Amino acid sequence: MNTTLNLSAAPHARDKWTTPFIMRMVTLSLLPATIVGILVYGWNAFGIVALAIVAAVASEWLFCKVCKKPSTIWDGSAVVTGLLLALSLGPQTPLYIPVIGSVFAIVVCKGCFGGLGKNFINPALAARCFLLISFANAMAIKPLVDAVATATPVGAMKAGEAVDITRMFLGTADGVIGSSILALLAGGLLLWSMDIIHGQICFSVLIGFTVFLGLFGGKGFDPAYLLAHLCGGGVVMGAFFMATDYVTSPVSRLGQFIYGCLIGILGGLFRLKGNTADSFSYAIIIGNVCSPLIDTYIVQKPFAYRKMIGKTRKTRKEPFRIPRPVIALTLIAAIAGVALSGVYSMTKDTIEEQKLLAEAASYKEVCPEAETFEISDTAKAKLEELSGANWGTDFGATRINEAFVGKDASGNLAGYALSVSSKGFGGDVTMALGLTPDGKVSKIAFTELNETAGLGMRADEDAFKDQFPGKSGSVSLVKGDAGEDQISAITGATVTSTAVTNALNAGLDFYETVLKGGN
């Protein structure tokens, strides 16, 4: 077919930037962050970047070859997809991960929907979400230095720990390869200054995210708190390089502003209430899915449109219609909500009963010498005084839920059983803590543990729990081999390890100050 003639409808508007030029500029704007990431994290980061780009380009070439379509590898879009995916991965990610991610991004998210300009979600982001779900253990951020502080900055913030904002801004803190906010801002502002990306999107994402955290983050508009969140979790990269994708973002300026605010608010909501530090990716994906709906109701003013002056003309007003897919999805959601509410109402009492039985079984497990458990009057009075507040100031967000005195068959003191909760990475970590009459740990058992599979969930393995029996007084968390008053942290799950250690120390302190010598 002769491609020298292009047929298109008037008004034949043309942009000064071609697709290859735009892709080259985006690649160039990502180079500062790429260089910083490689300098900080070394050759493994370089290998991840190289493999992601090569796999993306090769996948696009092979897909076009198999489908007998003209090769599109020279437009540079595959390079951008591979580079964005690589920069969103950790420096110690196994080398097969970027290859799988790039193939998924190009073949499934881009090629199967018709190629460049026809994908409904950002391919690099979709691939990252796919990897997070399918390879959670391999995708965990692992630092280069083997030290106790192995949590990412966002993970540390979720656990209530302090972070170094300067290191986060420069990109030298533990995180993804493209974590340098300084380098990302330099590239993003270059694209914005050249009018390649829309400021309505990137700035509304940042503003929406900041305002939401300021209103609902619990610390007001504290600059240090807000800057720490802005510098972590891929917010800047997402705002400038992923949310601004032409294909998956709205057309009108008002639509772009609403789209950006939606992503920022969802990102803030997921950051505060989500179970993972990588939740900003999902916020952008949801924004991509909502983009067609935004374009449906917020229409760009047509070219050459003129408002009639001095004349009136009656026009037939089109009736307002809600799209059928919206009606169908609303009905499905309503039916599902009613069904779930009904099931919950019917099973609520049974669930509570099973929960109480599970707690009783856990107390028996951690204090096996006891035949019966009695409420400690002293502990009950103290817990009522606390009214759900944290126990002490040295154990993070840790609460003592219950405290029982275990008695043997003869009515003699057999030990103590406590329920203690601390803030973990995925939510509350609640455990039953058994203590001997002299205040030594007999055993621990978890009654609530919702940590990352393959990482934080390893806290429920015997290899970790067997360290606690016999401990007393106060213990500390270390990396590697543990001493007499130490606990060895789980590699890659320091937040969970810290939560368990805080719960243990709070329980031991509660014994010393409340239970010891009493009933």
Protein backbone atom coordinates (compact mmCIF):
# COMPACT_ATOMS: atom_id res chain seq x y z
CA MET A 1 0.00 0.00 0.00
CA ASN A 2 1.27 3.46 -0.88
CA THR A 3 1.84 5.43 2.31
CA THR A 4 2.91 8.71 0.71
CA LEU A 5 -0.63 10.10 0.96
CA ASN A 6 -2.34 10.59 4.31
CA LEU A 7 -6.08 11.11 4.45
CA SER A 8 -7.48 13.00 7.44
CA ALA A 9 -10.42 15.22 8.27
CA ALA A 10 -10.22 19.01 8.53
CA PRO A 11 -8.87 21.17 10.15
CA HIS A 12 -5.61 19.19 9.62
CA ALA A 13 -4.00 20.41 12.82
CA ARG A 14 -0.39 19.36 13.20
CA ASP A 15 1.85 19.45 16.28
CA LYS A 16 5.44 20.56 16.02
CA TRP A 17 6.65 17.48 17.91
CA THR A 18 6.71 14.07 16.23
CA THR A 19 6.32 10.83 18.17
CA PRO A 20 10.00 9.77 17.77
CA PHE A 21 11.15 13.22 18.92
CA ILE A 22 8.89 13.11 21.98
CA MET A 23 10.13 9.63 22.90
CA ARG A 24 13.75 10.72 22.51
CA MET A 25 13.13 13.71 24.77
CA VAL A 26 11.43 11.55 27.41
CA THR A 27 14.38 9.13 27.30
CA LEU A 28 16.80 12.04 27.60
CA SER A 29 14.86 13.49 30.56
CA LEU A 30 15.07 10.11 32.33
CA LEU A 31 18.83 9.83 31.87
CA PRO A 32 19.75 11.91 34.97
CA ALA A 33 17.74 9.61 37.23
CA THR A 34 19.17 6.56 35.43
CA ILE A 35 22.76 7.76 35.85
CA VAL A 36 22.25 8.56 39.54
CA GLY A 37 20.67 5.15 40.12
CA ILE A 38 23.55 3.32 38.45
CA LEU A 39 26.17 5.37 40.30
CA VAL A 40 24.47 4.71 43.66
CA TYR A 41 23.50 1.07 43.20
CA GLY A 42 26.22 -0.21 40.86
CA TRP A 43 26.39 -2.71 38.03
CA ASN A 44 23.33 -4.68 39.05
CA ALA A 45 21.21 -1.58 38.46
CA PHE A 46 22.85 -1.14 35.07
CA GLY A 47 22.03 -4.74 34.20
CA ILE A 48 18.37 -4.26 35.16
CA VAL A 49 18.08 -1.12 33.01
CA ALA A 50 19.83 -2.73 30.02
CA LEU A 51 17.81 -5.95 30.19
CA ALA A 52 14.49 -4.11 30.53
CA ILE A 53 15.18 -1.93 27.47
CA VAL A 54 16.52 -4.78 25.32
CA ALA A 55 13.61 -7.05 26.27
CA ALA A 56 11.08 -4.31 25.49
CA VAL A 57 12.57 -3.52 22.06
CA ALA A 58 12.98 -7.21 21.19
CA SER A 59 9.41 -7.98 22.25
CA GLU A 60 8.02 -5.19 20.08
CA TRP A 61 10.09 -6.27 17.06
CA LEU A 62 9.10 -9.92 17.45
CA PHE A 63 5.42 -9.09 18.01
CA CYS A 64 5.32 -6.96 14.85
CA LYS A 65 7.11 -9.72 12.95
CA VAL A 66 4.70 -12.44 14.06
CA CYS A 67 1.64 -10.28 13.41
CA LYS A 68 3.07 -9.14 10.05
CA LYS A 69 2.87 -5.50 10.96
CA PRO A 70 5.38 -2.74 10.13
CA SER A 71 8.14 -2.58 12.73
CA THR A 72 7.65 0.26 15.22
CA ILE A 73 10.84 -0.11 17.25
CA TRP A 74 12.30 3.07 15.78
CA ASP A 75 9.66 5.35 17.29
CA GLY A 76 11.37 4.94 20.68
CA SER A 77 8.24 4.05 22.66
CA ALA A 78 9.54 0.59 23.58
CA VAL A 79 12.75 2.13 24.94
CA VAL A 80 10.73 4.50 27.14
CA THR A 81 8.55 1.64 28.41
CA GLY A 82 11.56 -0.51 29.30
CA LEU A 83 13.41 2.39 30.93
CA LEU A 84 10.42 3.45 33.04
CA LEU A 85 9.89 -0.13 34.19
CA ALA A 86 13.56 -0.53 35.09
CA LEU A 87 13.64 2.71 37.09
CA SER A 88 10.65 1.52 39.13
CA LEU A 89 12.44 -1.69 40.21
CA GLY A 90 14.74 -2.23 43.18
CA PRO A 91 18.51 -2.43 42.58
CA GLN A 92 18.68 -6.02 43.87
CA THR A 93 15.75 -7.29 41.80
CA PRO A 94 16.57 -10.63 40.10
CA LEU A 95 17.53 -10.12 36.47
CA TYR A 96 14.68 -12.23 35.11
CA ILE A 97 12.12 -9.79 36.57
CA PRO A 98 12.75 -6.85 34.15
CA VAL A 99 12.67 -9.26 31.21
CA ILE A 100 9.30 -10.72 32.22
CA GLY A 101 7.95 -7.24 32.97
CA SER A 102 9.03 -5.77 29.63
CA VAL A 103 7.56 -8.67 27.66
CA PHE A 104 4.26 -8.30 29.55
CA ALA A 105 4.21 -4.52 29.01
CA ILE A 106 4.86 -4.67 25.27
CA VAL A 107 3.00 -7.82 24.26
CA VAL A 108 0.00 -7.85 26.59
CA CYS A 109 -0.58 -4.19 27.51
CA LYS A 110 0.47 -2.59 24.22
CA GLY A 111 0.61 -4.99 21.28
CA CYS A 112 -2.58 -6.92 22.02
CA PHE A 113 -4.55 -3.66 22.12
CA GLY A 114 -3.30 -2.42 18.76
CA GLY A 115 0.08 -0.87 19.52
CA LEU A 116 1.17 2.66 20.35
CA GLY A 117 -1.76 4.99 20.95
CA LYS A 118 -4.31 2.25 21.61
CA ASN A 119 -3.34 0.89 25.02
CA PHE A 120 -5.86 1.82 27.72
CA ILE A 121 -3.37 1.76 30.63
CA ASN A 122 0.27 2.73 30.90
CA PRO A 123 2.26 -0.38 29.85
CA ALA A 124 5.19 0.19 32.22
CA LEU A 125 2.88 0.71 35.20
CA ALA A 126 0.71 -2.26 34.27
CA ALA A 127 3.82 -4.43 34.09
CA ARG A 128 5.01 -3.20 37.47
CA CYS A 129 1.65 -3.97 39.09
CA PHE A 130 1.71 -7.40 37.44
CA LEU A 131 5.17 -8.07 38.87
CA LEU A 132 4.16 -6.84 42.34
CA ILE A 133 1.24 -9.25 42.40
CA SER A 134 2.95 -12.23 40.78
CA PHE A 135 6.49 -11.95 42.18
CA ALA A 136 6.04 -10.19 45.54
CA ASN A 137 9.14 -11.70 47.13
CA ALA A 138 11.41 -10.93 44.18
CA MET A 139 10.03 -7.39 43.91
CA ALA A 140 10.76 -6.53 47.55
CA ILE A 141 13.28 -3.70 47.90
CA LYS A 142 16.50 -5.19 49.24
CA PRO A 143 19.34 -2.82 50.22
CA LEU A 144 22.94 -3.18 49.14
CA VAL A 145 24.21 -2.81 52.69
CA ASP A 146 23.31 -5.66 55.04
CA ALA A 147 22.10 -3.69 58.03
CA VAL A 148 19.14 -3.63 60.40
CA ALA A 149 17.48 -0.61 58.76
CA THR A 150 16.32 -2.53 55.67
CA ALA A 151 12.90 -0.96 55.28
CA THR A 152 12.35 1.50 52.46
CA PRO A 153 11.79 5.11 53.55
CA VAL A 154 8.03 4.85 52.94
CA GLY A 155 7.92 1.59 54.88
CA ALA A 156 9.78 3.28 57.73
CA MET A 157 7.31 6.17 57.71
CA LYS A 158 4.37 3.75 57.85
CA ALA A 159 5.97 2.22 60.93
CA GLY A 160 6.31 5.66 62.54
CA GLU A 161 10.08 5.87 62.13
CA ALA A 162 12.07 8.95 61.10
CA VAL A 163 13.57 9.18 57.60
CA ASP A 164 16.37 11.20 56.01
CA ILE A 165 14.64 13.54 53.53
CA THR A 166 17.95 14.73 52.09
CA ARG A 167 19.00 11.20 51.12
CA MET A 168 15.57 10.57 49.64
CA PHE A 169 15.76 13.77 47.60
CA LEU A 170 19.22 12.93 46.27
CA GLY A 171 18.38 9.28 45.63
CA THR A 172 20.91 7.69 48.01
CA ALA A 173 18.35 6.12 50.37
CA ASP A 174 17.16 2.54 49.96
CA GLY A 175 14.55 2.44 47.21
CA VAL A 176 14.03 1.87 43.51
CA ILE A 177 16.72 2.63 40.93
CA GLY A 178 15.02 5.84 39.81
CA SER A 179 14.48 7.27 43.27
CA SER A 180 16.47 10.50 42.90
CA ILE A 181 13.85 13.24 43.22
CA LEU A 182 16.38 15.89 42.16
CA ALA A 183 17.13 14.07 38.89
CA LEU A 184 13.46 13.29 38.22
CA LEU A 185 12.47 16.91 38.79
CA ALA A 186 15.20 18.09 36.41
CA GLY A 187 13.92 15.80 33.66
CA GLY A 188 10.23 16.38 34.38
CA LEU A 189 10.52 20.17 34.43
CA LEU A 190 12.46 20.03 31.14
CA LEU A 191 9.55 18.20 29.50
CA TRP A 192 7.07 20.63 31.01
CA SER A 193 9.05 23.68 29.85
CA MET A 194 9.02 22.27 26.30
CA ASP A 195 5.24 21.69 26.55
CA ILE A 196 5.73 17.96 25.97
CA ILE A 197 3.86 17.05 29.15
CA HIS A 198 0.85 18.87 30.56
CA GLY A 199 1.31 20.84 33.76
CA GLN A 200 -2.39 20.42 34.55
CA ILE A 201 -1.72 16.72 35.18
CA CYS A 202 1.64 16.56 36.94
CA PHE A 203 1.07 19.52 39.25
CA SER A 204 -2.52 18.55 40.12
CA VAL A 205 -1.26 15.06 41.06
CA LEU A 206 1.29 16.57 43.44
CA ILE A 207 -1.17 19.11 44.84
CA GLY A 208 -3.96 16.55 45.31
CA PHE A 209 -1.58 14.14 47.05
CA THR A 210 -0.15 16.85 49.32
CA VAL A 211 -3.51 18.33 50.30
CA PHE A 212 -4.98 14.90 51.08
CA LEU A 213 -2.05 13.98 53.33
CA GLY A 214 -2.19 17.37 54.99
CA LEU A 215 -5.89 16.97 55.77
CA PHE A 216 -5.98 13.30 56.74
CA GLY A 217 -2.38 12.31 57.52
CA GLY A 218 -2.71 13.17 61.20
CA LYS A 219 0.16 15.68 61.25
CA GLY A 220 -1.44 18.60 59.46
CA PHE A 221 0.59 20.47 56.89
CA ASP A 222 3.91 19.74 58.56
CA PRO A 223 6.53 20.46 55.82
CA ALA A 224 8.89 17.68 56.91
CA TYR A 225 6.08 15.11 56.95
CA LEU A 226 4.71 16.15 53.54
CA LEU A 227 8.15 16.36 51.90
CA ALA A 228 9.04 12.90 53.16
CA HIS A 229 5.94 11.43 51.54
CA LEU A 230 6.43 13.39 48.32
CA CYS A 231 10.01 12.16 48.03
CA GLY A 232 9.11 8.50 48.50
CA GLY A 233 6.97 5.84 46.88
CA GLY A 234 7.31 6.94 43.24
CA VAL A 235 5.10 10.02 43.56
CA VAL A 236 7.31 12.36 41.50
CA MET A 237 8.11 9.75 38.84
CA GLY A 238 4.44 8.89 38.55
CA ALA A 239 3.33 12.52 38.35
CA PHE A 240 5.77 13.62 35.64
CA PHE A 241 6.45 10.50 33.58
CA MET A 242 3.53 8.08 33.95
CA ALA A 243 0.33 9.99 34.68
CA THR A 244 1.15 12.36 31.77
CA ASP A 245 1.09 9.59 29.14
CA TYR A 246 -0.84 11.04 26.17
CA VAL A 247 -2.73 7.85 25.40
CA THR A 248 -4.08 7.15 28.88
CA SER A 249 -4.83 10.71 30.05
CA PRO A 250 -7.81 12.99 29.23
CA VAL A 251 -7.80 15.46 26.36
CA SER A 252 -9.31 18.63 27.83
CA ARG A 253 -7.49 20.82 30.33
CA LEU A 254 -10.29 20.58 32.89
CA GLY A 255 -10.37 16.82 32.40
CA GLN A 256 -6.61 16.64 32.93
CA PHE A 257 -6.92 18.62 36.15
CA ILE A 258 -9.67 16.33 37.48
CA TYR A 259 -7.66 13.29 36.38
CA GLY A 260 -4.56 14.51 38.20
CA CYS A 261 -6.47 15.35 41.38
CA LEU A 262 -8.09 11.89 41.30
CA ILE A 263 -4.70 10.20 41.10
CA GLY A 264 -3.26 12.40 43.86
CA ILE A 265 -6.18 11.75 46.22
CA LEU A 266 -6.16 8.00 45.54
CA GLY A 267 -2.40 7.93 46.02
CA GLY A 268 -2.76 9.67 49.38
CA LEU A 269 -5.56 7.33 50.43
CA PHE A 270 -3.55 4.23 49.48
CA ARG A 271 -0.44 5.66 51.18
CA LEU A 272 -2.28 6.15 54.48
CA LYS A 273 -4.56 3.10 54.46
CA GLY A 274 -2.88 0.69 52.04
CA ASN A 275 -0.81 -2.34 52.97
CA THR A 276 2.07 -1.63 50.63
CA ALA A 277 4.41 1.24 49.88
CA ASP A 278 3.97 0.67 46.13
CA SER A 279 0.33 1.72 46.06
CA PHE A 280 0.85 4.91 43.99
CA SER A 281 1.14 2.72 40.88
CA TYR A 282 -2.39 1.47 41.45
CA ALA A 283 -3.67 5.04 41.81
CA ILE A 284 -2.37 5.92 38.33
CA ILE A 285 -3.79 2.70 36.85
CA ILE A 286 -7.23 3.58 38.25
CA GLY A 287 -6.83 7.09 36.81
CA ASN A 288 -6.03 5.56 33.39
CA VAL A 289 -9.21 3.48 33.54
CA CYS A 290 -11.29 6.55 34.48
CA SER A 291 -9.80 8.69 31.68
CA PRO A 292 -12.35 7.67 28.98
CA LEU A 293 -15.21 8.44 31.38
CA ILE A 294 -13.74 11.89 32.05
CA ASP A 295 -13.46 12.55 28.31
CA THR A 296 -17.09 11.47 27.86
CA TYR A 297 -18.45 14.25 30.07
CA ILE A 298 -15.76 16.92 29.72
CA VAL A 299 -15.47 17.61 25.99
CA GLN A 300 -12.76 19.79 24.47
CA LYS A 301 -14.08 22.85 22.60
CA PRO A 302 -14.02 22.03 18.86
CA PHE A 303 -11.61 23.80 16.48
CA ALA A 304 -13.06 26.88 14.77
CA TYR A 305 -16.00 26.99 17.20
CA ARG A 306 -17.62 30.43 17.38
CA LYS A 307 -20.20 31.61 19.85
CA MET A 308 -23.13 33.29 18.09
CA ILE A 309 -23.51 36.98 19.02
CA GLY A 310 -26.73 38.95 18.55
CA LYS A 311 -28.63 35.95 17.31
CA THR A 312 -30.67 33.33 18.99
CA ARG A 313 -31.20 29.92 17.62
CA LYS A 314 -33.20 27.19 19.16
CA THR A 315 -31.44 23.90 19.07
CA ARG A 316 -32.69 20.58 20.12
CA LYS A 317 -31.11 19.68 23.39
CA GLU A 318 -29.84 16.15 23.54
CA PRO A 319 -31.27 14.24 26.49
CA PHE A 320 -28.85 13.30 29.24
CA ARG A 321 -28.03 9.62 29.14
CA ILE A 322 -25.94 7.64 31.55
CA PRO A 323 -23.77 5.14 29.62
CA ARG A 324 -25.00 1.58 29.89
CA PRO A 325 -21.66 0.23 31.21
CA VAL A 326 -21.88 2.71 34.10
CA ILE A 327 -25.42 1.56 34.91
CA ALA A 328 -24.40 -2.10 34.69
CA LEU A 329 -21.36 -1.65 36.91
CA THR A 330 -23.39 0.34 39.45
CA LEU A 331 -26.05 -2.38 39.64
CA ILE A 332 -23.41 -5.10 39.97
CA ALA A 333 -21.66 -3.18 42.76
CA ALA A 334 -24.97 -2.55 44.55
CA ILE A 335 -26.04 -6.21 44.34
CA ALA A 336 -22.60 -7.38 45.48
CA GLY A 337 -22.66 -4.90 48.38
CA VAL A 338 -26.09 -6.03 49.55
CA ALA A 339 -25.06 -9.69 49.26
CA LEU A 340 -21.84 -9.12 51.20
CA SER A 341 -23.70 -7.16 53.89
CA GLY A 342 -26.19 -9.98 54.26
CA VAL A 343 -23.48 -12.61 54.52
CA TYR A 344 -21.62 -10.52 57.09
CA SER A 345 -24.77 -10.03 59.18
CA MET A 346 -25.49 -13.75 59.17
CA THR A 347 -21.95 -14.77 60.04
CA LYS A 348 -20.96 -11.94 62.40
CA ASP A 349 -21.78 -13.80 65.60
CA THR A 350 -20.08 -16.97 64.38
CA ILE A 351 -16.95 -15.03 63.40
CA GLU A 352 -16.77 -13.37 66.82
CA GLU A 353 -17.22 -16.74 68.52
CA GLN A 354 -14.48 -18.32 66.41
CA LYS A 355 -12.22 -15.37 67.17
CA LEU A 356 -12.70 -15.80 70.92
CA LEU A 357 -12.02 -19.55 70.63
CA ALA A 358 -8.87 -18.83 68.62
CA GLU A 359 -7.66 -16.36 71.25
CA ALA A 360 -8.34 -18.85 74.05
CA ALA A 361 -6.45 -21.53 72.11
CA SER A 362 -3.51 -19.15 71.60
CA TYR A 363 -3.36 -18.41 75.35
CA LYS A 364 -3.30 -22.13 76.06
CA GLU A 365 -0.56 -22.56 73.45
CA VAL A 366 1.74 -19.90 74.93
CA CYS A 367 1.05 -20.83 78.54
CA PRO A 368 0.63 -24.65 78.40
CA GLU A 369 1.02 -25.20 82.17
CA ALA A 370 -2.20 -23.29 82.88
CA GLU A 371 -5.54 -25.05 83.11
CA THR A 372 -7.62 -21.90 83.57
CA PHE A 373 -7.13 -18.20 82.86
CA GLU A 374 -8.39 -15.49 85.16
CA ILE A 375 -8.63 -11.78 84.59
CA SER A 376 -5.98 -9.83 86.45
CA ASP A 377 -7.78 -7.12 88.44
CA THR A 378 -4.66 -4.94 88.52
CA ALA A 379 -4.12 -5.31 84.79
CA LYS A 380 -7.80 -4.70 84.05
CA ALA A 381 -7.76 -1.44 85.99
CA LYS A 382 -4.60 -0.31 84.21
CA LEU A 383 -5.95 -1.15 80.75
CA GLU A 384 -9.21 0.68 81.48
CA GLU A 385 -7.14 3.67 82.50
CA LEU A 386 -5.23 3.53 79.19
CA SER A 387 -8.50 3.19 77.23
CA GLY A 388 -6.80 1.80 74.10
CA ALA A 389 -3.79 4.14 74.18
CA ASN A 390 -0.27 2.96 73.41
CA TRP A 391 1.74 1.37 76.19
CA GLY A 392 4.68 3.62 77.07
CA THR A 393 6.70 5.78 74.71
CA ASP A 394 9.60 3.44 73.92
CA PHE A 395 7.70 0.75 72.01
CA GLY A 396 6.25 2.61 69.03
CA ALA A 397 2.53 2.19 68.33
CA THR A 398 2.08 -0.79 70.67
CA ARG A 399 -0.99 -1.62 72.75
CA ILE A 400 -1.70 -4.14 75.51
CA ASN A 401 -5.12 -5.60 74.68
CA GLU A 402 -5.64 -8.16 77.45
CA ALA A 403 -3.77 -9.72 80.35
CA PHE A 404 -4.69 -12.98 82.09
CA VAL A 405 -3.26 -14.94 85.01
CA GLY A 406 -2.85 -18.64 84.29
CA LYS A 407 -3.61 -21.12 87.11
CA ASP A 408 -2.79 -24.83 87.19
CA ALA A 409 -5.16 -27.61 88.34
CA SER A 410 -4.30 -26.87 92.00
CA GLY A 411 -5.01 -23.16 91.64
CA ASN A 412 -1.35 -22.16 91.80
CA LEU A 413 0.18 -19.50 89.54
CA ALA A 414 1.30 -21.13 86.28
CA GLY A 415 2.16 -18.02 84.27
CA TYR A 416 0.70 -15.07 82.41
CA ALA A 417 -0.89 -14.68 78.98
CA LEU A 418 -1.04 -11.29 77.25
CA SER A 419 -2.45 -10.05 73.96
CA VAL A 420 -0.21 -7.35 72.48
CA SER A 421 -0.59 -5.40 69.20
CA SER A 422 2.04 -3.36 67.38
CA LYS A 423 2.07 -1.52 64.05
CA GLY A 424 3.56 -3.68 61.29
CA PHE A 425 4.08 -3.09 57.58
CA GLY A 426 0.67 -4.42 56.50
CA GLY A 427 -1.33 -3.41 59.56
CA ASP A 428 -1.52 -4.51 63.18
CA VAL A 429 0.64 -7.42 64.30
CA THR A 430 -1.19 -9.01 67.24
CA MET A 431 0.35 -11.83 69.22
CA ALA A 432 -0.33 -13.85 72.33
CA LEU A 433 2.65 -13.63 74.69
CA GLY A 434 3.13 -16.30 77.33
CA LEU A 435 5.26 -15.55 80.40
CA THR A 436 6.44 -17.83 83.19
CA PRO A 437 5.75 -16.82 86.83
CA ASP A 438 9.24 -15.26 87.00
CA GLY A 439 8.67 -13.13 83.86
CA LYS A 440 10.49 -15.13 81.20
CA VAL A 441 8.97 -15.70 77.76
CA SER A 442 7.54 -19.20 77.38
CA LYS A 443 6.22 -18.83 73.83
CA ILE A 444 4.58 -16.44 71.34
CA ALA A 445 1.73 -17.10 68.90
CA PHE A 446 0.24 -14.71 66.33
CA THR A 447 -3.49 -14.06 66.26
CA GLU A 448 -3.31 -11.33 63.58
CA LEU A 449 -0.57 -11.12 60.96
CA ASN A 450 -1.20 -9.54 57.54
CA GLU A 451 2.34 -8.89 56.35
CA THR A 452 3.89 -9.37 52.89
CA ALA A 453 3.92 -12.97 51.70
CA GLY A 454 7.42 -14.42 51.66
CA LEU A 455 8.79 -11.57 53.79
CA GLY A 456 6.88 -10.32 56.84
CA MET A 457 4.78 -13.50 56.98
CA ARG A 458 7.99 -15.38 57.78
CA ALA A 459 7.55 -14.05 61.33
CA ASP A 460 5.11 -16.92 61.86
CA GLU A 461 7.79 -19.51 61.08
CA ASP A 462 9.44 -21.46 63.87
CA ALA A 463 12.90 -20.22 62.81
CA PHE A 464 11.89 -16.73 63.96
CA LYS A 465 9.52 -17.52 66.84
CA ASP A 466 11.91 -19.99 68.48
CA GLN A 467 14.25 -17.09 69.35
CA PHE A 468 11.84 -15.70 71.97
CA PRO A 469 11.45 -18.41 74.68
CA GLY A 470 13.60 -17.65 77.70
CA LYS A 471 13.95 -13.90 77.00
CA SER A 472 13.26 -11.47 79.82
CA GLY A 473 13.73 -7.82 80.73
CA SER A 474 14.31 -6.15 77.38
CA VAL A 475 15.59 -7.38 74.00
CA SER A 476 17.07 -5.61 70.98
CA LEU A 477 16.83 -6.31 67.26
CA VAL A 478 19.99 -7.08 65.29
CA LYS A 479 20.95 -8.24 61.83
CA GLY A 480 22.71 -11.59 61.67
CA ASP A 481 23.49 -13.80 64.63
CA ALA A 482 21.74 -12.77 67.85
CA GLY A 483 23.16 -12.76 71.36
CA GLU A 484 21.52 -13.56 74.67
CA ASP A 485 19.31 -10.46 74.83
CA GLN A 486 18.92 -10.01 71.08
CA ILE A 487 16.56 -11.08 68.29
CA SER A 488 17.77 -11.70 64.72
CA ALA A 489 15.67 -9.69 62.25
CA ILE A 490 14.01 -11.26 59.22
CA THR A 491 15.97 -10.26 56.11
CA GLY A 492 13.98 -7.74 54.06
CA ALA A 493 11.24 -7.43 56.71
CA THR A 494 12.67 -5.14 59.36
CA VAL A 495 9.35 -3.33 59.91
CA THR A 496 7.66 -6.60 60.83
CA SER A 497 10.62 -7.71 62.96
CA THR A 498 10.58 -4.36 64.75
CA ALA A 499 6.83 -4.61 65.39
CA VAL A 500 7.20 -8.06 66.97
CA THR A 501 10.17 -6.93 69.08
CA ASN A 502 8.27 -3.83 70.24
CA ALA A 503 5.29 -6.01 71.18
CA LEU A 504 7.57 -8.34 73.14
CA ASN A 505 9.31 -5.52 75.01
CA ALA A 506 5.98 -3.83 75.79
CA GLY A 507 4.62 -7.09 77.19
CA LEU A 508 7.73 -7.64 79.32
CA ASP A 509 7.54 -4.05 80.58
CA PHE A 510 3.83 -4.51 81.40
CA TYR A 511 4.75 -7.57 83.45
CA GLU A 512 7.46 -5.68 85.36
CA THR A 513 5.29 -2.65 86.11
CA VAL A 514 1.82 -4.19 86.53
CA LEU A 515 1.70 -7.98 86.79
CA LYS A 516 4.84 -8.85 88.74
CA GLY A 517 4.09 -10.05 92.22
CA GLY A 518 0.36 -9.62 91.83
CA ASN A 519 -2.75 -11.21 90.36
